[in-house]
Amino acid sequence: MDKPSIGIDVSKAHLDVYVYPSERRFHVAYDEGGVRELVAALDSVREGIVVLEATGGLEVMIAASLGAAGFDVAVVNPRQVRDFARAIGRLAKTDRIDAEVLALFGDRVRPEPRPLPDSALRALEALITRRRQLVEMITAESNRLRQTGDRAVSKQIQRHIKWLQQELKSVDTNLDDTVRRSPLWRAKDDLLRSMKGIGSVTSYTLIAELPQLGTMSRRQAAALGGLAPFNADSGTFVGRRRIWGGRSSVRTVLYMAALSAIRWNPVIRAFYQRLLRAGKPKKVALLACARKLLVILNAMLRNQTPWGISALDPQHGC
């Protein structure tokens, strides 16, 4: 008999659970008591795999509790699950249906369970997420400031922007302190930032959200970083290859790093100019530069070599 697959749909108030193939369903509150009840209820299917969607942090407590209890837990990309649901004809969307789809996804796709990050890494991820939220809020408020014609509203927005900027500065200080307190992260940060074009935000995001960097092949790094192009072909039609999937936050910071690198990093600048001369659109060339940055950074961490020493050696696969 195949191992059971347990789908858990997570919301702020409750958890909907579906166990495949027994078709068992149950519903618990999302609080400490409910989580304890969940762990106890799943004891008979401990050998199975638990599948949850990444929901912006709501899934962390569940994944941590089940992982600590000895379950294999896979936190999966919501878009992959939605594509799977469409493929099997599950177009309706409710919490009960979502839990069942997650269980079926676990049974058919068998996503790889990943070890949970320790508390320090989760704290670093939380700081990175909060920084991203603050930057988005500052951008939104700055846009509103340009659009408003009311003096009183303008002053309110300006005060809010000032407060957000102070919070951003505080988060940046906390990020610096958190990374520098860890000898391992400090060494990673020093290696990553030895490359021109890689600043603190890019480095901290890679440490927190791509901890596997330095242990993967270049293709694995590009795919996990959301920078691997995939074919879009059908029959005799050959479509333009497109980038999708992976970790969008990593792709975003590397794209911004590429904008800096094409100005200050002679290797990346020469690569970018070569692509433009070959007729590539600027955005396509920039994404290719972002991918090249990630591949080189992966090689630097794997070989523990800072930029400028041997990171460009052919044996690194760059």
C-alpha atoms as a PDB file:
ATOM      1  CA  MET A   1       0.000   0.000   0.000  1.00  0.00           C
ATOM      2  CA  ASP A   2       1.258   3.467  -0.874  1.00  0.00           C
ATOM      3  CA  LYS A   3       2.142   5.797   1.934  1.00  0.00           C
ATOM      4  CA  PRO A   4      -0.677   8.126   3.027  1.00  0.00           C
ATOM      5  CA  SER A   5      -0.734  11.719   1.869  1.00  0.00           C
ATOM      6  CA  ILE A   6      -2.193  14.359   4.174  1.00  0.00           C
ATOM      7  CA  GLY A   7      -3.365  17.691   2.798  1.00  0.00           C
ATOM      8  CA  ILE A   8      -3.851  20.579   5.236  1.00  0.00           C
ATOM      9  CA  ASP A   9      -5.502  23.814   4.156  1.00  0.00           C
ATOM     10  CA  VAL A  10      -4.397  26.584   6.519  1.00  0.00           C
ATOM     11  CA  SER A  11      -6.447  29.679   7.323  1.00  0.00           C
ATOM     12  CA  LYS A  12      -6.204  32.156  10.182  1.00  0.00           C
ATOM     13  CA  ALA A  13      -8.981  30.529  12.214  1.00  0.00           C
ATOM     14  CA  HIS A  14      -8.896  26.834  11.383  1.00  0.00           C
ATOM     15  CA  LEU A  15      -7.230  23.901   9.639  1.00  0.00           C
ATOM     16  CA  ASP A  16      -9.001  21.586   7.191  1.00  0.00           C
ATOM     17  CA  VAL A  17      -7.387  18.160   6.881  1.00  0.00           C
ATOM     18  CA  TYR A  18      -7.837  15.400   4.287  1.00  0.00           C
ATOM     19  CA  VAL A  19      -6.061  12.039   4.432  1.00  0.00           C
ATOM     20  CA  TYR A  20      -5.606  10.045   1.209  1.00  0.00           C
ATOM     21  CA  PRO A  21      -6.397   7.236   0.398  1.00  0.00           C
ATOM     22  CA  SER A  22      -8.593   6.666   3.474  1.00  0.00           C
ATOM     23  CA  GLU A  23     -10.670   9.775   2.563  1.00  0.00           C
ATOM     24  CA  ARG A  24     -10.710  10.793   6.205  1.00  0.00           C
ATOM     25  CA  ARG A  25     -11.577  14.450   6.841  1.00  0.00           C
ATOM     26  CA  PHE A  26     -11.506  16.566   9.963  1.00  0.00           C
ATOM     27  CA  HIS A  27     -11.376  20.190  11.025  1.00  0.00           C
ATOM     28  CA  VAL A  28      -9.533  21.778  13.978  1.00  0.00           C
ATOM     29  CA  ALA A  29      -9.059  25.304  15.279  1.00  0.00           C
ATOM     30  CA  TYR A  30      -5.812  27.053  14.444  1.00  0.00           C
ATOM     31  CA  ASP A  31      -4.532  27.601  17.966  1.00  0.00           C
ATOM     32  CA  GLU A  32      -2.217  25.746  20.331  1.00  0.00           C
ATOM     33  CA  GLY A  33      -4.921  23.327  21.389  1.00  0.00           C
ATOM     34  CA  GLY A  34      -5.957  22.675  17.802  1.00  0.00           C
ATOM     35  CA  VAL A  35      -2.379  22.004  16.728  1.00  0.00           C
ATOM     36  CA  ARG A  36      -1.933  19.481  19.552  1.00  0.00           C
ATOM     37  CA  GLU A  37      -5.200  17.839  18.493  1.00  0.00           C
ATOM     38  CA  LEU A  38      -3.935  17.734  14.887  1.00  0.00           C
ATOM     39  CA  VAL A  39      -0.657  16.017  15.814  1.00  0.00           C
ATOM     40  CA  ALA A  40      -2.502  13.432  17.910  1.00  0.00           C
ATOM     41  CA  ALA A  41      -5.110  12.800  15.200  1.00  0.00           C
ATOM     42  CA  LEU A  42      -2.430  12.124  12.584  1.00  0.00           C
ATOM     43  CA  ASP A  43      -0.428   9.716  14.748  1.00  0.00           C
ATOM     44  CA  SER A  44      -1.782   6.686  12.860  1.00  0.00           C
ATOM     45  CA  VAL A  45      -0.494   8.026   9.521  1.00  0.00           C
ATOM     46  CA  ARG A  46       2.890   9.186  10.774  1.00  0.00           C
ATOM     47  CA  GLU A  47       4.644   7.392   7.890  1.00  0.00           C
ATOM     48  CA  GLY A  48       2.862   9.602   5.345  1.00  0.00           C
ATOM     49  CA  ILE A  49       3.738  12.968   3.855  1.00  0.00           C
ATOM     50  CA  VAL A  50       2.027  16.194   4.964  1.00  0.00           C
ATOM     51  CA  VAL A  51       1.475  18.803   2.239  1.00  0.00           C
ATOM     52  CA  LEU A  52       0.799  22.489   2.955  1.00  0.00           C
ATOM     53  CA  GLU A  53       0.780  25.540   0.718  1.00  0.00           C
ATOM     54  CA  ALA A  54       3.148  28.433   1.389  1.00  0.00           C
ATOM     55  CA  THR A  55       0.713  31.047   2.699  1.00  0.00           C
ATOM     56  CA  GLY A  56       2.934  33.956   3.675  1.00  0.00           C
ATOM     57  CA  GLY A  57       3.821  32.605   7.124  1.00  0.00           C
ATOM     58  CA  LEU A  58       0.554  31.062   8.349  1.00  0.00           C
ATOM     59  CA  GLU A  59       1.920  27.593   7.606  1.00  0.00           C
ATOM     60  CA  VAL A  60       5.112  27.982   9.691  1.00  0.00           C
ATOM     61  CA  MET A  61       3.693  26.964  13.076  1.00  0.00           C
ATOM     62  CA  ILE A  62       1.945  23.912  11.577  1.00  0.00           C
ATOM     63  CA  ALA A  63       5.023  22.819   9.634  1.00  0.00           C
ATOM     64  CA  ALA A  64       7.251  23.320  12.677  1.00  0.00           C
ATOM     65  CA  SER A  65       4.922  21.415  15.014  1.00  0.00           C
ATOM     66  CA  LEU A  66       4.502  18.466  12.632  1.00  0.00           C
ATOM     67  CA  GLY A  67       8.205  18.416  11.779  1.00  0.00           C
ATOM     68  CA  ALA A  68       9.106  18.357  15.470  1.00  0.00           C
ATOM     69  CA  ALA A  69       6.661  15.457  15.909  1.00  0.00           C
ATOM     70  CA  GLY A  70       8.515  13.427  13.280  1.00  0.00           C
ATOM     71  CA  PHE A  71       6.318  13.927  10.212  1.00  0.00           C
ATOM     72  CA  ASP A  72       7.661  14.480   6.700  1.00  0.00           C
ATOM     73  CA  VAL A  73       6.392  17.937   5.713  1.00  0.00           C
ATOM     74  CA  ALA A  74       6.434  19.526   2.243  1.00  0.00           C
ATOM     75  CA  VAL A  75       5.537  23.213   1.901  1.00  0.00           C
ATOM     76  CA  VAL A  76       4.665  23.690  -1.777  1.00  0.00           C
ATOM     77  CA  ASN A  77       4.151  26.539  -4.221  1.00  0.00           C
ATOM     78  CA  PRO A  78       0.431  27.515  -4.374  1.00  0.00           C
ATOM     79  CA  ARG A  79       0.598  28.015  -8.149  1.00  0.00           C
ATOM     80  CA  GLN A  80       1.781  24.452  -8.695  1.00  0.00           C
ATOM     81  CA  VAL A  81      -1.187  23.219  -6.666  1.00  0.00           C
ATOM     82  CA  ARG A  82      -3.649  25.399  -8.626  1.00  0.00           C
ATOM     83  CA  ASP A  83      -2.215  24.084 -11.914  1.00  0.00           C
ATOM     84  CA  PHE A  84      -2.549  20.524 -10.606  1.00  0.00           C
ATOM     85  CA  ALA A  85      -6.161  21.182  -9.534  1.00  0.00           C
ATOM     86  CA  ARG A  86      -7.055  22.432 -13.012  1.00  0.00           C
ATOM     87  CA  ALA A  87      -5.348  19.436 -14.577  1.00  0.00           C
ATOM     88  CA  ILE A  88      -7.530  17.000 -12.596  1.00  0.00           C
ATOM     89  CA  GLY A  89     -10.679  19.067 -13.118  1.00  0.00           C
ATOM     90  CA  ARG A  90     -11.045  20.466  -9.580  1.00  0.00           C
ATOM     91  CA  LEU A  91     -12.100  24.008 -10.472  1.00  0.00           C
ATOM     92  CA  ALA A  92     -14.164  24.791  -7.363  1.00  0.00           C
ATOM     93  CA  LYS A  93     -12.302  26.234  -4.382  1.00  0.00           C
ATOM     94  CA  THR A  94     -13.260  25.762  -0.737  1.00  0.00           C
ATOM     95  CA  ASP A  95     -11.164  24.926   2.309  1.00  0.00           C
ATOM     96  CA  ARG A  96     -12.402  21.297   2.224  1.00  0.00           C
ATOM     97  CA  ILE A  97     -11.664  20.957  -1.492  1.00  0.00           C
ATOM     98  CA  ASP A  98      -8.255  22.625  -1.112  1.00  0.00           C
ATOM     99  CA  ALA A  99      -7.256  20.124   1.583  1.00  0.00           C
ATOM    100  CA  GLU A 100      -8.266  17.226  -0.678  1.00  0.00           C
ATOM    101  CA  VAL A 101      -6.370  18.682  -3.657  1.00  0.00           C
ATOM    102  CA  LEU A 102      -3.253  19.078  -1.492  1.00  0.00           C
ATOM    103  CA  ALA A 103      -3.491  15.443  -0.425  1.00  0.00           C
ATOM    104  CA  LEU A 104      -3.905  14.294  -4.033  1.00  0.00           C
ATOM    105  CA  PHE A 105      -0.984  16.523  -5.059  1.00  0.00           C
ATOM    106  CA  GLY A 106       1.124  14.827  -2.400  1.00  0.00           C
ATOM    107  CA  ASP A 107       0.109  11.379  -3.613  1.00  0.00           C
ATOM    108  CA  ARG A 108       0.604  11.991  -7.355  1.00  0.00           C
ATOM    109  CA  VAL A 109       3.558  14.407  -7.345  1.00  0.00           C
ATOM    110  CA  ARG A 110       5.297  13.267  -4.158  1.00  0.00           C
ATOM    111  CA  PRO A 111       7.019  16.595  -3.392  1.00  0.00           C
ATOM    112  CA  GLU A 112      10.297  16.251  -1.561  1.00  0.00           C
ATOM    113  CA  PRO A 113      10.010  16.865   2.191  1.00  0.00           C
ATOM    114  CA  ARG A 114      12.492  19.497   3.270  1.00  0.00           C
ATOM    115  CA  PRO A 115      14.041  19.870   6.709  1.00  0.00           C
ATOM    116  CA  LEU A 116      12.620  22.768   8.646  1.00  0.00           C
ATOM    117  CA  PRO A 117      14.914  25.741   9.150  1.00  0.00           C
ATOM    118  CA  ASP A 118      16.010  26.349  12.705  1.00  0.00           C
ATOM    119  CA  SER A 119      14.607  29.207  14.749  1.00  0.00           C
ATOM    120  CA  ALA A 120      17.452  31.572  13.807  1.00  0.00           C
ATOM    121  CA  LEU A 121      16.817  31.097  10.095  1.00  0.00           C
ATOM    122  CA  ARG A 122      13.076  31.576  10.580  1.00  0.00           C
ATOM    123  CA  ALA A 123      13.827  34.828  12.424  1.00  0.00           C
ATOM    124  CA  LEU A 124      16.044  35.973   9.560  1.00  0.00           C
ATOM    125  CA  GLU A 125      13.309  35.083   7.041  1.00  0.00           C
ATOM    126  CA  ALA A 126      10.802  37.090   9.097  1.00  0.00           C
ATOM    127  CA  LEU A 127      13.085  40.138   9.034  1.00  0.00           C
ATOM    128  CA  ILE A 128      13.588  39.820   5.269  1.00  0.00           C
ATOM    129  CA  THR A 129       9.821  39.548   4.753  1.00  0.00           C
ATOM    130  CA  ARG A 130       9.181  42.554   6.982  1.00  0.00           C
ATOM    131  CA  ARG A 131      11.762  44.607   5.096  1.00  0.00           C
ATOM    132  CA  ARG A 132      10.082  43.766   1.807  1.00  0.00           C
ATOM    133  CA  GLN A 133       6.698  44.787   3.230  1.00  0.00           C
ATOM    134  CA  LEU A 134       8.065  48.126   4.451  1.00  0.00           C
ATOM    135  CA  VAL A 135       9.627  48.900   1.067  1.00  0.00           C
ATOM    136  CA  GLU A 136       6.318  48.113  -0.643  1.00  0.00           C
ATOM    137  CA  MET A 137       4.437  50.374   1.780  1.00  0.00           C
ATOM    138  CA  ILE A 138       6.903  53.237   1.263  1.00  0.00           C
ATOM    139  CA  THR A 139       6.505  52.891  -2.504  1.00  0.00           C
ATOM    140  CA  ALA A 140       2.698  52.862  -2.221  1.00  0.00           C
ATOM    141  CA  GLU A 141       2.628  55.912   0.058  1.00  0.00           C
ATOM    142  CA  SER A 142       5.075  57.786  -2.189  1.00  0.00           C
ATOM    143  CA  ASN A 143       2.740  57.155  -5.136  1.00  0.00           C
ATOM    144  CA  ARG A 144      -0.219  58.450  -3.119  1.00  0.00           C
ATOM    145  CA  LEU A 145       1.779  61.538  -2.155  1.00  0.00           C
ATOM    146  CA  ARG A 146       2.361  62.376  -5.811  1.00  0.00           C
ATOM    147  CA  GLN A 147      -1.322  61.913  -6.610  1.00  0.00           C
ATOM    148  CA  THR A 148      -2.959  63.853  -3.782  1.00  0.00           C
ATOM    149  CA  GLY A 149      -3.749  67.528  -4.111  1.00  0.00           C
ATOM    150  CA  ASP A 150      -4.871  68.012  -0.525  1.00  0.00           C
ATOM    151  CA  ARG A 151      -2.345  69.681   1.800  1.00  0.00           C
ATOM    152  CA  ALA A 152      -3.632  68.001   4.993  1.00  0.00           C
ATOM    153  CA  VAL A 153      -3.589  64.542   3.420  1.00  0.00           C
ATOM    154  CA  SER A 154      -0.146  65.259   2.002  1.00  0.00           C
ATOM    155  CA  LYS A 155       1.222  66.037   5.476  1.00  0.00           C
ATOM    156  CA  GLN A 156      -0.296  62.833   6.874  1.00  0.00           C
ATOM    157  CA  ILE A 157       1.318  60.763   4.117  1.00  0.00           C
ATOM    158  CA  GLN A 158       4.671  62.474   4.648  1.00  0.00           C
ATOM    159  CA  ARG A 159       4.547  61.652   8.376  1.00  0.00           C
ATOM    160  CA  HIS A 160       3.687  58.044   7.582  1.00  0.00           C
ATOM    161  CA  ILE A 161       6.548  57.759   5.063  1.00  0.00           C
ATOM    162  CA  LYS A 162       8.968  59.169   7.629  1.00  0.00           C
ATOM    163  CA  TRP A 163       7.804  56.613  10.195  1.00  0.00           C
ATOM    164  CA  LEU A 164       8.084  53.766   7.663  1.00  0.00           C
ATOM    165  CA  GLN A 165      11.620  54.865   6.767  1.00  0.00           C
ATOM    166  CA  GLN A 166      12.573  54.800  10.452  1.00  0.00           C
ATOM    167  CA  GLU A 167      11.136  51.282  10.749  1.00  0.00           C
ATOM    168  CA  LEU A 168      13.061  50.235   7.639  1.00  0.00           C
ATOM    169  CA  LYS A 169      16.277  51.561   9.144  1.00  0.00           C
ATOM    170  CA  SER A 170      15.553  49.604  12.342  1.00  0.00           C
ATOM    171  CA  VAL A 171      14.926  46.386  10.379  1.00  0.00           C
ATOM    172  CA  ASP A 172      18.169  46.885   8.424  1.00  0.00           C
ATOM    173  CA  THR A 173      20.061  47.266  11.701  1.00  0.00           C
ATOM    174  CA  ASN A 174      18.459  44.081  13.043  1.00  0.00           C
ATOM    175  CA  LEU A 175      19.362  42.240   9.832  1.00  0.00           C
ATOM    176  CA  ASP A 176      22.989  43.323  10.104  1.00  0.00           C
ATOM    177  CA  ASP A 177      23.154  42.266  13.758  1.00  0.00           C
ATOM    178  CA  THR A 178      21.460  38.908  13.084  1.00  0.00           C
ATOM    179  CA  VAL A 179      23.793  37.967  10.226  1.00  0.00           C
ATOM    180  CA  ARG A 180      26.976  39.183  11.883  1.00  0.00           C
ATOM    181  CA  ARG A 181      26.214  37.237  15.102  1.00  0.00           C
ATOM    182  CA  SER A 182      26.381  33.942  13.195  1.00  0.00           C
ATOM    183  CA  PRO A 183      29.897  32.911  12.099  1.00  0.00           C
ATOM    184  CA  LEU A 184      28.441  30.774   9.281  1.00  0.00           C
ATOM    185  CA  TRP A 185      26.169  33.531   7.958  1.00  0.00           C
ATOM    186  CA  ARG A 186      28.924  36.109   8.381  1.00  0.00           C
ATOM    187  CA  ALA A 187      31.268  33.995   6.241  1.00  0.00           C
ATOM    188  CA  LYS A 188      28.520  33.517   3.607  1.00  0.00           C
ATOM    189  CA  ASP A 189      27.755  37.231   3.622  1.00  0.00           C
ATOM    190  CA  ASP A 190      31.422  38.145   3.159  1.00  0.00           C
ATOM    191  CA  LEU A 191      31.730  35.764   0.185  1.00  0.00           C
ATOM    192  CA  LEU A 192      28.509  36.936  -1.480  1.00  0.00           C
ATOM    193  CA  ARG A 193      29.265  40.635  -1.050  1.00  0.00           C
ATOM    194  CA  SER A 194      32.770  40.242  -2.451  1.00  0.00           C
ATOM    195  CA  MET A 195      31.080  40.303  -5.883  1.00  0.00           C
ATOM    196  CA  LYS A 196      30.452  43.766  -7.294  1.00  0.00           C
ATOM    197  CA  GLY A 197      26.718  44.310  -7.603  1.00  0.00           C
ATOM    198  CA  ILE A 198      25.759  42.245  -4.546  1.00  0.00           C
ATOM    199  CA  GLY A 199      24.693  44.369  -1.588  1.00  0.00           C
ATOM    200  CA  SER A 200      23.377  43.594   1.866  1.00  0.00           C
ATOM    201  CA  VAL A 201      19.729  43.113   0.835  1.00  0.00           C
ATOM    202  CA  THR A 202      20.594  40.612  -1.905  1.00  0.00           C
ATOM    203  CA  SER A 203      23.035  38.773   0.355  1.00  0.00           C
ATOM    204  CA  TYR A 204      20.641  38.529   3.305  1.00  0.00           C
ATOM    205  CA  THR A 205      17.775  37.404   1.057  1.00  0.00           C
ATOM    206  CA  LEU A 206      19.915  34.631  -0.429  1.00  0.00           C
ATOM    207  CA  ILE A 207      21.067  33.494   3.018  1.00  0.00           C
ATOM    208  CA  ALA A 208      17.512  33.431   4.388  1.00  0.00           C
ATOM    209  CA  GLU A 209      15.446  32.300   1.416  1.00  0.00           C
ATOM    210  CA  LEU A 210      17.920  30.201  -0.575  1.00  0.00           C
ATOM    211  CA  PRO A 211      19.969  28.446   2.136  1.00  0.00           C
ATOM    212  CA  GLN A 212      20.744  25.603  -0.314  1.00  0.00           C
ATOM    213  CA  LEU A 213      22.947  27.969  -2.350  1.00  0.00           C
ATOM    214  CA  GLY A 214      26.409  26.461  -2.679  1.00  0.00           C
ATOM    215  CA  THR A 215      25.160  22.860  -2.511  1.00  0.00           C
ATOM    216  CA  MET A 216      23.351  22.695  -5.874  1.00  0.00           C
ATOM    217  CA  SER A 217      24.202  22.345  -9.539  1.00  0.00           C
ATOM    218  CA  ARG A 218      23.893  25.506 -11.645  1.00  0.00           C
ATOM    219  CA  ARG A 219      20.628  24.245 -13.171  1.00  0.00           C
ATOM    220  CA  GLN A 220      19.158  23.494  -9.759  1.00  0.00           C
ATOM    221  CA  ALA A 221      20.203  26.934  -8.506  1.00  0.00           C
ATOM    222  CA  ALA A 222      18.615  28.675 -11.502  1.00  0.00           C
ATOM    223  CA  ALA A 223      15.369  26.703 -11.136  1.00  0.00           C
ATOM    224  CA  LEU A 224      15.058  27.235  -7.376  1.00  0.00           C
ATOM    225  CA  GLY A 225      15.926  30.921  -7.774  1.00  0.00           C
ATOM    226  CA  GLY A 226      13.136  31.354 -10.316  1.00  0.00           C
ATOM    227  CA  LEU A 227      15.547  32.157 -13.150  1.00  0.00           C
ATOM    228  CA  ALA A 228      15.458  28.990 -15.266  1.00  0.00           C
ATOM    229  CA  PRO A 229      13.831  29.402 -18.705  1.00  0.00           C
ATOM    230  CA  PHE A 230      11.313  26.705 -19.643  1.00  0.00           C
ATOM    231  CA  ASN A 231      10.165  25.693 -23.113  1.00  0.00           C
ATOM    232  CA  ALA A 232       6.694  26.634 -24.371  1.00  0.00           C
ATOM    233  CA  ASP A 233       6.439  24.286 -27.358  1.00  0.00           C
ATOM    234  CA  SER A 234       3.512  22.324 -28.751  1.00  0.00           C
ATOM    235  CA  GLY A 235       3.746  20.076 -31.804  1.00  0.00           C
ATOM    236  CA  THR A 236       5.539  22.008 -34.537  1.00  0.00           C
ATOM    237  CA  PHE A 237       5.038  25.313 -32.714  1.00  0.00           C
ATOM    238  CA  VAL A 238       8.143  26.550 -30.928  1.00  0.00           C
ATOM    239  CA  GLY A 239       7.258  29.236 -28.403  1.00  0.00           C
ATOM    240  CA  ARG A 240       9.444  31.713 -26.599  1.00  0.00           C
ATOM    241  CA  ARG A 241      11.029  30.222 -23.496  1.00  0.00           C
ATOM    242  CA  ARG A 242       9.678  31.780 -20.312  1.00  0.00           C
ATOM    243  CA  ILE A 243      10.854  32.049 -16.742  1.00  0.00           C
ATOM    244  CA  TRP A 244       8.382  30.922 -14.084  1.00  0.00           C
ATOM    245  CA  GLY A 245       8.235  29.155 -10.736  1.00  0.00           C
ATOM    246  CA  GLY A 246      10.999  29.196  -8.158  1.00  0.00           C
ATOM    247  CA  ARG A 247      11.282  31.765  -5.398  1.00  0.00           C
ATOM    248  CA  SER A 248      10.028  35.099  -6.629  1.00  0.00           C
ATOM    249  CA  SER A 249      11.686  37.053  -3.818  1.00  0.00           C
ATOM    250  CA  VAL A 250      15.086  35.673  -4.852  1.00  0.00           C
ATOM    251  CA  ARG A 251      14.415  36.472  -8.508  1.00  0.00           C
ATOM    252  CA  THR A 252      13.441  40.047  -7.595  1.00  0.00           C
ATOM    253  CA  VAL A 253      16.583  40.854  -5.597  1.00  0.00           C
ATOM    254  CA  LEU A 254      18.837  39.254  -8.219  1.00  0.00           C
ATOM    255  CA  TYR A 255      17.160  41.281 -10.966  1.00  0.00           C
ATOM    256  CA  MET A 256      17.890  44.470  -8.991  1.00  0.00           C
ATOM    257  CA  ALA A 257      21.446  43.237  -8.383  1.00  0.00           C
ATOM    258  CA  ALA A 258      21.853  42.697 -12.125  1.00  0.00           C
ATOM    259  CA  LEU A 259      20.907  46.341 -12.731  1.00  0.00           C
ATOM    260  CA  SER A 260      23.796  47.327 -10.479  1.00  0.00           C
ATOM    261  CA  ALA A 261      26.181  44.683 -11.821  1.00  0.00           C
ATOM    262  CA  ILE A 262      25.878  45.795 -15.464  1.00  0.00           C
ATOM    263  CA  ARG A 263      27.269  49.156 -14.322  1.00  0.00           C
ATOM    264  CA  TRP A 264      29.941  48.124 -11.836  1.00  0.00           C
ATOM    265  CA  ASN A 265      30.881  44.506 -12.562  1.00  0.00           C
ATOM    266  CA  PRO A 266      33.015  44.243 -15.753  1.00  0.00           C
ATOM    267  CA  VAL A 267      32.232  40.540 -16.297  1.00  0.00           C
ATOM    268  CA  ILE A 268      28.462  40.980 -16.036  1.00  0.00           C
ATOM    269  CA  ARG A 269      28.590  44.228 -18.040  1.00  0.00           C
ATOM    270  CA  ALA A 270      30.449  42.507 -20.895  1.00  0.00           C
ATOM    271  CA  PHE A 271      27.949  39.615 -20.812  1.00  0.00           C
ATOM    272  CA  TYR A 272      25.008  42.047 -20.915  1.00  0.00           C
ATOM    273  CA  GLN A 273      26.446  44.015 -23.827  1.00  0.00           C
ATOM    274  CA  ARG A 274      27.132  40.788 -25.746  1.00  0.00           C
ATOM    275  CA  LEU A 275      23.482  39.773 -25.352  1.00  0.00           C
ATOM    276  CA  LEU A 276      22.272  43.182 -26.545  1.00  0.00           C
ATOM    277  CA  ARG A 277      24.505  42.985 -29.616  1.00  0.00           C
ATOM    278  CA  ALA A 278      22.967  39.563 -30.326  1.00  0.00           C
ATOM    279  CA  GLY A 279      19.550  41.228 -30.470  1.00  0.00           C
ATOM    280  CA  LYS A 280      18.183  40.213 -27.068  1.00  0.00           C
ATOM    281  CA  PRO A 281      15.606  42.597 -25.512  1.00  0.00           C
ATOM    282  CA  LYS A 282      16.961  44.495 -22.508  1.00  0.00           C
ATOM    283  CA  LYS A 283      14.724  42.735 -19.976  1.00  0.00           C
ATOM    284  CA  VAL A 284      15.676  39.312 -21.327  1.00  0.00           C
ATOM    285  CA  ALA A 285      19.355  40.284 -21.147  1.00  0.00           C
ATOM    286  CA  LEU A 286      18.942  41.507 -17.567  1.00  0.00           C
ATOM    287  CA  LEU A 287      17.267  38.269 -16.505  1.00  0.00           C
ATOM    288  CA  ALA A 288      20.098  36.327 -18.130  1.00  0.00           C
ATOM    289  CA  CYS A 289      22.556  38.461 -16.121  1.00  0.00           C
ATOM    290  CA  ALA A 290      20.599  37.731 -12.943  1.00  0.00           C
ATOM    291  CA  ARG A 291      20.834  34.011 -13.714  1.00  0.00           C
ATOM    292  CA  LYS A 292      24.571  34.303 -14.350  1.00  0.00           C
ATOM    293  CA  LEU A 293      24.993  36.125 -11.024  1.00  0.00           C
ATOM    294  CA  LEU A 294      23.188  33.311  -9.214  1.00  0.00           C
ATOM    295  CA  VAL A 295      25.232  30.603 -10.930  1.00  0.00           C
ATOM    296  CA  ILE A 296      28.509  32.351 -10.070  1.00  0.00           C
ATOM    297  CA  LEU A 297      27.420  32.963  -6.465  1.00  0.00           C
ATOM    298  CA  ASN A 298      26.505  29.286  -6.145  1.00  0.00           C
ATOM    299  CA  ALA A 299      29.997  28.352  -7.353  1.00  0.00           C
ATOM    300  CA  MET A 300      31.650  30.854  -5.000  1.00  0.00           C
ATOM    301  CA  LEU A 301      29.880  29.381  -1.970  1.00  0.00           C
ATOM    302  CA  ARG A 302      30.450  25.799  -3.098  1.00  0.00           C
ATOM    303  CA  ASN A 303      34.191  26.361  -3.491  1.00  0.00           C
ATOM    304  CA  GLN A 304      34.531  28.957  -0.709  1.00  0.00           C
ATOM    305  CA  THR A 305      36.238  31.370  -3.101  1.00  0.00           C
ATOM    306  CA  PRO A 306      35.540  35.101  -3.048  1.00  0.00           C
ATOM    307  CA  TRP A 307      34.968  37.014  -6.255  1.00  0.00           C
ATOM    308  CA  GLY A 308      38.135  37.779  -8.169  1.00  0.00           C
ATOM    309  CA  ILE A 309      40.131  34.763  -7.018  1.00  0.00           C
ATOM    310  CA  SER A 310      38.801  31.736  -8.881  1.00  0.00           C
ATOM    311  CA  ALA A 311      35.059  32.243  -9.203  1.00  0.00           C
ATOM    312  CA  LEU A 312      35.363  32.525 -12.953  1.00  0.00           C
ATOM    313  CA  ASP A 313      37.406  29.375 -13.430  1.00  0.00           C
ATOM    314  CA  PRO A 314      35.736  27.069 -15.998  1.00  0.00           C
ATOM    315  CA  GLN A 315      35.580  24.245 -13.434  1.00  0.00           C
ATOM    316  CA  HIS A 316      32.962  26.229 -11.531  1.00  0.00           C
ATOM    317  CA  GLY A 317      30.474  25.718 -14.315  1.00  0.00           C
ATOM    318  CA  CYS A 318      29.795  29.421 -14.783  1.00  0.00           C
END
